[in-house]
Amino acid sequence: MKKRKGEVFQKYGTAVILVLLFVFFAFRTETFLSVSNIWNMLRQTAVTGIISLGMTMAMLTSGIDLSVSAVVAISSVTCSMCMVNLKLNMWAAILIALLAGLAAGFVNGLFITYIKIPPLIATLGTQTAIRGLAYIMTGGYTVYGFPKAFDFIGKGYIAGIPVPVILLIVVLVIGWYVINKTKFGRYLYAIGGNNEASRLSGINVNRRLVMTYAISGGLAALAGIIELSRLSSGQPNAGEGYEMSAITAVVLGGISVSGGEGKFSGVVFGILIMGILSSGLIMMNVSTYYQQLIKGLVLLFAVSIDQILKLNLLSRSSRVRS
């Protein structure tokens, strides 16, 4: 019976939580179900949702990427300064910002694979360094004054659907395909399940890990560009706290903190849960301090469930062996 309950929660728990949250905020706020609010909520969710794909890949390998919030800032600042200070074409500025994010992730991968720094420490260090670089580049000031066409990325619509939502859907579909249908995705699970066994089986673990963190950095940079367009200003403090929202969404979605387990489809539910939670709390005029408290407790809840299910599995396995 306990086994069945655990399996049911793993399969349907996030979907149930999503529905309960949706119903709760629908009754507590009059405008929650309005079309404009739904689109606005999804537009805001797009940024952390895109980051969550990179976080999912990193956590599947039994790693983590805490630098994503700083990469959002550096890509935002880089893109804005290229357009405003260097007078570059909008698309050239976007390309440079994306390359900056890929480079940041690549450096993370090198630290983790070749210098053997644990992912938590490596990405925490680069997070601090990159954030500092963003402040140095701007002198602590906000950069603004972009071409009008740049607004389309964060504020525009295609067939009545916000562009950030379309970008989120495209990224999630590609992410689902890569993780579930490609050799690269299978390698992520294998590396997270047993790094050494993967190496002995012929997988180039170092190369895959560097690629994983580079992808995570590139996705964070894309999120930073969307955020820049939405806010119409490049800010060195952009993205603060986004890494925690992404981690919470990924763990809520069922990706194990130990790596090698979980389905990406569950992460999509986790992303929507965090989006609804953030939007609903704002609409209820809940203080920012209480929002941080609630999100922290949600993360602890998600990790606790993951650990409890894992301990139950180990307990059952030991009873079977005995």
Protein backbone atom coordinates (compact mmCIF):
# COMPACT_ATOMS: atom_id res chain seq x y z
CA MET A 1 0.00 0.00 0.00
CA LYS A 2 2.82 2.43 0.90
CA LYS A 3 4.60 1.56 -2.32
CA ARG A 4 1.43 2.24 -4.28
CA LYS A 5 0.92 5.59 -2.56
CA GLY A 6 4.50 6.63 -3.27
CA GLU A 7 4.16 5.72 -6.93
CA VAL A 8 0.85 7.58 -7.21
CA PHE A 9 2.37 10.72 -5.68
CA GLN A 10 5.37 10.54 -8.03
CA LYS A 11 3.08 10.28 -11.05
CA TYR A 12 0.27 12.66 -10.14
CA GLY A 13 1.41 14.70 -7.14
CA THR A 14 2.59 17.76 -9.05
CA ALA A 15 -0.53 17.77 -11.24
CA VAL A 16 -2.76 17.69 -8.13
CA ILE A 17 -0.78 20.50 -6.48
CA LEU A 18 -1.05 22.55 -9.69
CA VAL A 19 -4.83 22.16 -9.82
CA LEU A 20 -5.26 22.95 -6.10
CA LEU A 21 -3.16 26.11 -6.39
CA PHE A 22 -5.06 27.21 -9.48
CA VAL A 23 -8.44 26.72 -7.78
CA PHE A 24 -7.26 28.42 -4.57
CA PHE A 25 -6.07 31.60 -6.28
CA ALA A 26 -9.09 31.61 -8.60
CA PHE A 27 -11.36 31.88 -5.56
CA ARG A 28 -9.14 34.31 -3.64
CA THR A 29 -8.60 36.87 -6.42
CA GLU A 30 -11.28 38.17 -8.79
CA THR A 31 -9.04 38.74 -11.82
CA PHE A 32 -6.91 35.61 -11.59
CA LEU A 33 -8.88 33.80 -14.31
CA SER A 34 -8.91 36.76 -16.69
CA VAL A 35 -7.27 36.14 -20.06
CA SER A 36 -4.92 39.08 -19.61
CA ASN A 37 -3.73 37.78 -16.25
CA ILE A 38 -3.22 34.24 -17.57
CA TRP A 39 -1.07 35.54 -20.42
CA ASN A 40 0.81 37.85 -18.09
CA MET A 41 1.44 34.98 -15.66
CA LEU A 42 2.75 32.76 -18.45
CA ARG A 43 4.89 35.61 -19.78
CA GLN A 44 6.55 35.95 -16.37
CA THR A 45 6.87 32.18 -16.06
CA ALA A 46 8.73 32.00 -19.39
CA VAL A 47 11.97 33.35 -17.89
CA THR A 48 12.28 30.87 -15.03
CA GLY A 49 10.80 28.12 -17.20
CA ILE A 50 13.58 28.43 -19.77
CA ILE A 51 16.18 28.48 -16.99
CA SER A 52 14.58 25.35 -15.52
CA LEU A 53 15.40 23.30 -18.63
CA GLY A 54 19.12 23.95 -18.16
CA MET A 55 18.79 23.26 -14.44
CA THR A 56 17.04 19.97 -15.21
CA MET A 57 19.93 18.83 -17.40
CA ALA A 58 22.49 19.78 -14.75
CA MET A 59 20.59 18.05 -11.95
CA LEU A 60 20.07 14.89 -14.01
CA THR A 61 23.87 14.55 -14.04
CA SER A 62 23.87 14.84 -10.23
CA GLY A 63 25.01 18.47 -10.48
CA ILE A 64 23.51 21.92 -10.06
CA ASP A 65 23.93 25.34 -11.66
CA LEU A 66 23.67 28.22 -9.20
CA SER A 67 25.19 30.67 -11.68
CA VAL A 68 22.08 30.97 -13.86
CA SER A 69 20.77 34.05 -12.04
CA ALA A 70 24.04 35.90 -12.62
CA VAL A 71 24.10 34.76 -16.25
CA VAL A 72 20.65 36.35 -16.65
CA ALA A 73 22.20 39.60 -15.43
CA ILE A 74 25.38 39.47 -17.52
CA SER A 75 23.49 38.60 -20.71
CA SER A 76 20.98 41.37 -20.02
CA VAL A 77 23.74 43.90 -19.38
CA THR A 78 25.83 42.72 -22.34
CA CYS A 79 22.92 42.89 -24.76
CA SER A 80 21.82 46.33 -23.55
CA MET A 81 25.32 47.84 -23.65
CA CYS A 82 25.93 46.46 -27.13
CA MET A 83 22.79 48.21 -28.38
CA VAL A 84 23.10 51.45 -26.40
CA ASN A 85 26.84 52.04 -25.98
CA LEU A 86 28.25 50.27 -29.04
CA LYS A 87 25.24 51.01 -31.29
CA LEU A 88 25.22 47.45 -32.62
CA ASN A 89 22.36 45.89 -34.53
CA MET A 90 19.74 44.30 -32.24
CA TRP A 91 20.40 40.79 -33.55
CA ALA A 92 24.16 41.17 -33.23
CA ALA A 93 23.68 42.26 -29.61
CA ILE A 94 21.45 39.25 -28.93
CA LEU A 95 24.01 36.90 -30.46
CA ILE A 96 26.82 38.34 -28.34
CA ALA A 97 24.69 38.01 -25.19
CA LEU A 98 23.88 34.38 -26.01
CA LEU A 99 27.58 33.67 -26.59
CA ALA A 100 28.37 35.28 -23.23
CA GLY A 101 25.95 32.87 -21.54
CA LEU A 102 27.38 29.87 -23.39
CA ALA A 103 30.89 30.95 -22.39
CA ALA A 104 29.89 31.26 -18.73
CA GLY A 105 28.40 27.76 -18.80
CA PHE A 106 31.45 26.42 -20.63
CA VAL A 107 33.70 27.79 -17.88
CA ASN A 108 31.48 26.13 -15.27
CA GLY A 109 31.86 22.84 -17.10
CA LEU A 110 35.65 23.16 -17.22
CA PHE A 111 35.88 23.87 -13.49
CA ILE A 112 33.65 20.89 -12.71
CA THR A 113 35.17 18.33 -15.07
CA TYR A 114 38.86 19.13 -15.34
CA ILE A 115 39.64 20.89 -12.04
CA LYS A 116 37.17 18.62 -10.20
CA ILE A 117 35.47 21.40 -8.23
CA PRO A 118 32.05 20.19 -6.97
CA PRO A 119 29.22 21.74 -9.07
CA LEU A 120 27.74 23.51 -6.02
CA ILE A 121 31.00 25.34 -5.26
CA ALA A 122 32.02 25.93 -8.87
CA THR A 123 28.74 27.52 -9.90
CA LEU A 124 28.43 29.46 -6.65
CA GLY A 125 31.86 30.95 -7.33
CA THR A 126 31.06 31.85 -10.93
CA GLN A 127 27.71 33.26 -9.82
CA THR A 128 29.46 35.72 -7.51
CA ALA A 129 32.14 36.56 -10.07
CA ILE A 130 29.71 37.06 -12.95
CA ARG A 131 27.38 39.19 -10.84
CA GLY A 132 30.34 41.34 -9.84
CA LEU A 133 31.34 41.67 -13.50
CA ALA A 134 27.84 42.87 -14.37
CA TYR A 135 28.14 45.63 -11.75
CA ILE A 136 31.61 46.56 -13.00
CA MET A 137 30.42 46.80 -16.61
CA THR A 138 27.53 49.12 -15.74
CA GLY A 139 29.10 50.93 -12.79
CA GLY A 140 26.01 49.85 -10.86
CA TYR A 141 23.70 51.87 -13.13
CA THR A 142 20.73 50.77 -15.23
CA VAL A 143 21.15 50.74 -19.00
CA TYR A 144 18.17 51.77 -21.14
CA GLY A 145 17.28 53.33 -24.49
CA PHE A 146 16.84 50.33 -26.82
CA PRO A 147 15.42 50.19 -30.36
CA LYS A 148 11.64 49.93 -30.38
CA ALA A 149 11.83 46.64 -32.28
CA PHE A 150 13.55 45.00 -29.31
CA ASP A 151 10.32 45.28 -27.28
CA PHE A 152 8.77 42.59 -29.48
CA ILE A 153 10.79 39.81 -27.83
CA GLY A 154 9.40 40.44 -24.35
CA LYS A 155 6.17 42.32 -25.02
CA GLY A 156 5.03 41.31 -28.48
CA TYR A 157 2.35 38.86 -29.63
CA ILE A 158 2.09 36.31 -32.43
CA ALA A 159 -1.45 35.21 -33.25
CA GLY A 160 -2.56 36.62 -29.90
CA ILE A 161 0.02 34.64 -27.92
CA PRO A 162 2.83 36.50 -26.08
CA VAL A 163 6.23 35.94 -27.72
CA PRO A 164 7.89 34.82 -24.42
CA VAL A 165 5.24 32.11 -24.07
CA ILE A 166 5.93 30.90 -27.60
CA LEU A 167 9.67 30.85 -26.88
CA LEU A 168 9.01 28.90 -23.66
CA ILE A 169 6.90 26.32 -25.49
CA VAL A 170 9.53 25.90 -28.21
CA VAL A 171 12.32 25.50 -25.64
CA LEU A 172 10.33 22.98 -23.57
CA VAL A 173 9.39 20.90 -26.62
CA ILE A 174 13.02 20.80 -27.78
CA GLY A 175 14.12 20.02 -24.22
CA TRP A 176 11.61 17.17 -23.93
CA TYR A 177 12.82 15.70 -27.21
CA VAL A 178 16.52 15.98 -26.32
CA ILE A 179 16.10 14.46 -22.86
CA ASN A 180 13.73 11.66 -23.86
CA LYS A 181 14.57 10.81 -27.45
CA THR A 182 18.28 11.41 -28.00
CA LYS A 183 21.53 9.71 -27.03
CA PHE A 184 22.58 12.89 -25.22
CA GLY A 185 19.52 12.67 -22.97
CA ARG A 186 20.20 9.02 -22.14
CA TYR A 187 23.79 9.95 -21.27
CA LEU A 188 22.52 12.57 -18.80
CA TYR A 189 20.61 9.88 -16.89
CA ALA A 190 23.52 7.47 -17.07
CA ILE A 191 26.03 10.02 -15.75
CA GLY A 192 23.72 11.01 -12.90
CA GLY A 193 23.04 7.38 -12.04
CA ASN A 194 26.69 6.33 -11.92
CA ASN A 195 29.43 8.61 -13.19
CA GLU A 196 32.23 6.04 -13.09
CA ALA A 197 30.18 3.28 -14.70
CA SER A 198 29.26 5.69 -17.50
CA ARG A 199 32.93 6.48 -18.04
CA LEU A 200 33.86 2.79 -18.14
CA SER A 201 31.06 2.09 -20.63
CA GLY A 202 32.67 4.48 -23.12
CA ILE A 203 30.72 7.70 -22.51
CA ASN A 204 32.90 10.80 -22.70
CA VAL A 205 31.61 12.11 -19.37
CA ASN A 206 33.71 15.28 -19.32
CA ARG A 207 32.54 16.36 -22.76
CA ARG A 208 28.88 15.72 -21.90
CA LEU A 209 29.14 17.65 -18.66
CA VAL A 210 30.80 20.64 -20.34
CA MET A 211 28.05 20.58 -22.99
CA THR A 212 25.38 20.38 -20.29
CA TYR A 213 26.61 23.43 -18.40
CA ALA A 214 27.18 25.37 -21.63
CA ILE A 215 23.56 24.67 -22.61
CA SER A 216 22.42 25.78 -19.16
CA GLY A 217 24.35 29.02 -19.55
CA GLY A 218 22.94 29.61 -23.03
CA LEU A 219 19.36 29.07 -21.83
CA ALA A 220 19.93 31.45 -18.91
CA ALA A 221 21.23 34.02 -21.40
CA LEU A 222 18.08 33.61 -23.52
CA ALA A 223 16.01 34.14 -20.39
CA GLY A 224 18.05 37.27 -19.65
CA ILE A 225 17.32 38.67 -23.11
CA ILE A 226 13.59 38.10 -22.65
CA GLU A 227 13.77 39.73 -19.21
CA LEU A 228 15.65 42.69 -20.71
CA SER A 229 12.99 43.20 -23.34
CA ARG A 230 10.16 42.88 -20.79
CA LEU A 231 11.68 45.45 -18.39
CA SER A 232 13.19 47.72 -21.08
CA SER A 233 16.29 48.15 -18.92
CA GLY A 234 19.53 46.30 -18.37
CA GLN A 235 20.12 45.86 -14.65
CA PRO A 236 23.16 44.29 -12.96
CA ASN A 237 20.88 42.87 -10.25
CA ALA A 238 18.57 41.19 -12.79
CA GLY A 239 17.66 37.57 -12.13
CA GLU A 240 18.33 37.55 -8.39
CA GLY A 241 16.69 34.49 -6.85
CA TYR A 242 15.87 32.86 -10.19
CA GLU A 243 18.17 29.94 -9.46
CA MET A 244 16.08 29.00 -6.43
CA SER A 245 12.82 29.20 -8.40
CA ALA A 246 14.32 26.97 -11.09
CA ILE A 247 15.66 24.44 -8.59
CA THR A 248 12.29 24.33 -6.82
CA ALA A 249 10.44 23.80 -10.12
CA VAL A 250 12.80 21.00 -11.12
CA VAL A 251 12.63 19.18 -7.77
CA LEU A 252 8.85 19.64 -7.59
CA GLY A 253 8.72 18.09 -11.04
CA GLY A 254 10.30 14.90 -9.72
CA ILE A 255 13.94 15.24 -10.76
CA SER A 256 15.99 13.67 -7.98
CA VAL A 257 18.50 15.87 -6.18
CA SER A 258 20.88 12.90 -6.41
CA GLY A 259 20.64 12.81 -10.19
CA GLY A 260 19.75 10.14 -12.73
CA GLU A 261 16.01 9.99 -11.95
CA GLY A 262 12.86 11.83 -12.92
CA LYS A 263 10.86 12.78 -16.01
CA PHE A 264 10.99 16.12 -17.78
CA SER A 265 7.20 16.13 -18.20
CA GLY A 266 6.96 16.54 -14.42
CA VAL A 267 9.26 19.58 -14.57
CA VAL A 268 6.72 21.33 -16.80
CA PHE A 269 4.17 20.99 -14.00
CA GLY A 270 6.77 22.27 -11.54
CA ILE A 271 7.38 25.33 -13.72
CA LEU A 272 3.64 26.08 -13.87
CA ILE A 273 3.29 25.61 -10.11
CA MET A 274 6.01 28.19 -9.42
CA GLY A 275 4.48 30.57 -11.96
CA ILE A 276 1.00 30.31 -10.45
CA LEU A 277 2.39 30.62 -6.93
CA SER A 278 4.38 33.77 -7.74
CA SER A 279 1.55 35.41 -9.66
CA GLY A 280 -1.11 34.49 -7.11
CA LEU A 281 0.89 35.77 -4.15
CA ILE A 282 1.52 39.07 -5.93
CA MET A 283 -2.17 39.45 -6.77
CA MET A 284 -3.04 38.82 -3.11
CA ASN A 285 -0.61 41.60 -2.16
CA VAL A 286 1.50 39.23 -0.07
CA SER A 287 4.70 40.90 1.16
CA THR A 288 7.92 40.07 -0.68
CA TYR A 289 9.37 38.77 2.58
CA TYR A 290 6.53 36.31 3.02
CA GLN A 291 6.84 35.28 -0.63
CA GLN A 292 10.48 34.35 -0.01
CA LEU A 293 9.46 32.40 3.09
CA ILE A 294 6.77 30.48 1.21
CA LYS A 295 9.03 29.65 -1.75
CA GLY A 296 11.75 28.46 0.62
CA LEU A 297 9.29 26.19 2.38
CA VAL A 298 8.07 24.84 -0.97
CA LEU A 299 11.66 23.92 -1.89
CA LEU A 300 12.16 22.18 1.46
CA PHE A 301 8.88 20.33 0.97
CA ALA A 302 9.89 19.16 -2.51
CA VAL A 303 13.34 17.96 -1.40
CA SER A 304 11.84 16.26 1.66
CA ILE A 305 9.38 14.31 -0.47
CA ASP A 306 12.22 13.26 -2.78
CA GLN A 307 14.30 12.02 0.15
CA ILE A 308 11.38 10.25 1.86
CA LEU A 309 10.49 8.37 -1.32
CA LYS A 310 14.15 7.43 -1.79
CA LEU A 311 14.49 6.20 1.80
CA ASN A 312 11.33 4.12 1.43
CA LEU A 313 12.74 2.58 -1.74
CA LEU A 314 16.01 1.72 -0.01
CA SER A 315 14.11 0.25 2.93
CA ARG A 316 12.04 -1.98 0.63
CA SER A 317 15.17 -3.10 -1.23
CA SER A 318 16.92 -4.07 1.99
CA ARG A 319 13.88 -6.07 3.14
CA VAL A 320 13.78 -7.92 -0.19
CA ARG A 321 17.50 -8.80 0.06
CA SER A 322 17.11 -10.00 3.63
